[in-house]
PDB file of N, CA and C in Angstrom:
ATOM      1  N   MET A   1     -11.806 -29.086   2.498  1.00  0.00           N
ATOM      2  CA  MET A   1     -11.409 -28.350   3.714  1.00  0.00           C
ATOM      3  C   MET A   1     -11.222 -26.862   3.383  1.00  0.00           C
ATOM      4  N   PRO A   2     -11.961 -25.994   4.081  1.00  0.00           N
ATOM      5  CA  PRO A   2     -11.893 -24.557   3.795  1.00  0.00           C
ATOM      6  C   PRO A   2     -10.525 -23.974   4.115  1.00  0.00           C
ATOM      7  N   ARG A   3     -10.158 -22.966   3.366  1.00  0.00           N
ATOM      8  CA  ARG A   3      -8.863 -22.331   3.599  1.00  0.00           C
ATOM      9  C   ARG A   3      -8.923 -21.452   4.846  1.00  0.00           C
ATOM     10  N   MET A   4      -7.775 -21.210   5.447  1.00  0.00           N
ATOM     11  CA  MET A   4      -7.736 -20.404   6.665  1.00  0.00           C
ATOM     12  C   MET A   4      -8.311 -19.011   6.424  1.00  0.00           C
ATOM     13  N   THR A   5      -8.032 -18.445   5.260  1.00  0.00           N
ATOM     14  CA  THR A   5      -8.536 -17.100   4.974  1.00  0.00           C
ATOM     15  C   THR A   5     -10.056 -17.098   5.000  1.00  0.00           C
ATOM     16  N   ASP A   6     -10.670 -18.149   4.468  1.00  0.00           N
ATOM     17  CA  ASP A   6     -12.130 -18.224   4.454  1.00  0.00           C
ATOM     18  C   ASP A   6     -12.652 -18.313   5.883  1.00  0.00           C
ATOM     19  N   CYS A   7     -11.985 -19.095   6.717  1.00  0.00           N
ATOM     20  CA  CYS A   7     -12.425 -19.244   8.107  1.00  0.00           C
ATOM     21  C   CYS A   7     -12.346 -17.903   8.820  1.00  0.00           C
ATOM     22  N   LEU A   8     -11.264 -17.183   8.587  1.00  0.00           N
ATOM     23  CA  LEU A   8     -11.113 -15.885   9.242  1.00  0.00           C
ATOM     24  C   LEU A   8     -12.198 -14.931   8.772  1.00  0.00           C
ATOM     25  N   SER A   9     -12.527 -14.981   7.488  1.00  0.00           N
ATOM     26  CA  SER A   9     -13.554 -14.086   6.957  1.00  0.00           C
ATOM     27  C   SER A   9     -14.890 -14.372   7.624  1.00  0.00           C
ATOM     28  N   ILE A  10     -15.220 -15.656   7.739  1.00  0.00           N
ATOM     29  CA  ILE A  10     -16.497 -16.035   8.352  1.00  0.00           C
ATOM     30  C   ILE A  10     -16.505 -15.624   9.820  1.00  0.00           C
ATOM     31  N   TYR A  11     -15.402 -15.862  10.515  1.00  0.00           N
ATOM     32  CA  TYR A  11     -15.319 -15.521  11.937  1.00  0.00           C
ATOM     33  C   TYR A  11     -15.469 -14.016  12.121  1.00  0.00           C
ATOM     34  N   HIS A  12     -14.782 -13.246  11.268  1.00  0.00           N
ATOM     35  CA  HIS A  12     -14.846 -11.788  11.373  1.00  0.00           C
ATOM     36  C   HIS A  12     -16.274 -11.316  11.131  1.00  0.00           C
ATOM     37  N   PHE A  13     -16.938 -11.868  10.123  1.00  0.00           N
ATOM     38  CA  PHE A  13     -18.317 -11.480   9.815  1.00  0.00           C
ATOM     39  C   PHE A  13     -19.231 -11.810  10.991  1.00  0.00           C
ATOM     40  N   TRP A  14     -19.058 -13.010  11.576  1.00  0.00           N
ATOM     41  CA  TRP A  14     -19.888 -13.425  12.710  1.00  0.00           C
ATOM     42  C   TRP A  14     -19.643 -12.517  13.909  1.00  0.00           C
ATOM     43  N   TRP A  15     -18.360 -12.167  14.134  1.00  0.00           N
ATOM     44  CA  TRP A  15     -18.032 -11.311  15.268  1.00  0.00           C
ATOM     45  C   TRP A  15     -18.703  -9.953  15.114  1.00  0.00           C
ATOM     46  N   ARG A  16     -18.674  -9.389  13.909  1.00  0.00           N
ATOM     47  CA  ARG A  16     -19.309  -8.086  13.681  1.00  0.00           C
ATOM     48  C   ARG A  16     -20.807  -8.207  13.889  1.00  0.00           C
ATOM     49  N   TYR A  17     -21.389  -9.304  13.419  1.00  0.00           N
ATOM     50  CA  TYR A  17     -22.832  -9.507  13.566  1.00  0.00           C
ATOM     51  C   TYR A  17     -23.202  -9.576  15.042  1.00  0.00           C
ATOM     52  N   LYS A  18     -22.386 -10.270  15.817  1.00  0.00           N
ATOM     53  CA  LYS A  18     -22.642 -10.410  17.249  1.00  0.00           C
ATOM     54  C   LYS A  18     -22.530  -9.040  17.931  1.00  0.00           C
ATOM     55  N   ALA A  19     -21.500  -8.288  17.560  1.00  0.00           N
ATOM     56  CA  ALA A  19     -21.303  -6.962  18.156  1.00  0.00           C
ATOM     57  C   ALA A  19     -22.500  -6.078  17.825  1.00  0.00           C
ATOM     58  N   ARG A  20     -22.977  -6.143  16.575  1.00  0.00           N
ATOM     59  CA  ARG A  20     -24.118  -5.328  16.160  1.00  0.00           C
ATOM     60  C   ARG A  20     -25.342  -5.707  16.981  1.00  0.00           C
ATOM     61  N   SER A  21     -25.521  -6.997  17.213  1.00  0.00           N
ATOM     62  CA  SER A  21     -26.687  -7.462  17.965  1.00  0.00           C
ATOM     63  C   SER A  21     -26.643  -6.890  19.381  1.00  0.00           C
ATOM     64  N   LYS A  22     -25.447  -6.846  19.963  1.00  0.00           N
ATOM     65  CA  LYS A  22     -25.307  -6.301  21.317  1.00  0.00           C
ATOM     66  C   LYS A  22     -25.713  -4.832  21.338  1.00  0.00           C
ATOM     67  N   LEU A  23     -25.251  -4.073  20.344  1.00  0.00           N
ATOM     68  CA  LEU A  23     -25.558  -2.645  20.315  1.00  0.00           C
ATOM     69  C   LEU A  23     -27.056  -2.405  20.210  1.00  0.00           C
ATOM     70  N   TYR A  24     -27.735  -3.203  19.402  1.00  0.00           N
ATOM     71  CA  TYR A  24     -29.170  -3.002  19.215  1.00  0.00           C
ATOM     72  C   TYR A  24     -30.003  -3.601  20.333  1.00  0.00           C
ATOM     73  N   SER A  25     -29.438  -4.554  21.062  1.00  0.00           N
ATOM     74  CA  SER A  25     -30.220  -5.202  22.116  1.00  0.00           C
ATOM     75  C   SER A  25     -30.627  -4.191  23.186  1.00  0.00           C
TER      76      SER A  25
END
């Protein structure tokens, strides 16, 4: 089971990726 810190890191990375995609779209 992944640690909470790891989950937050993945979520933060995904959120930034999504935001970047919006800017370039």
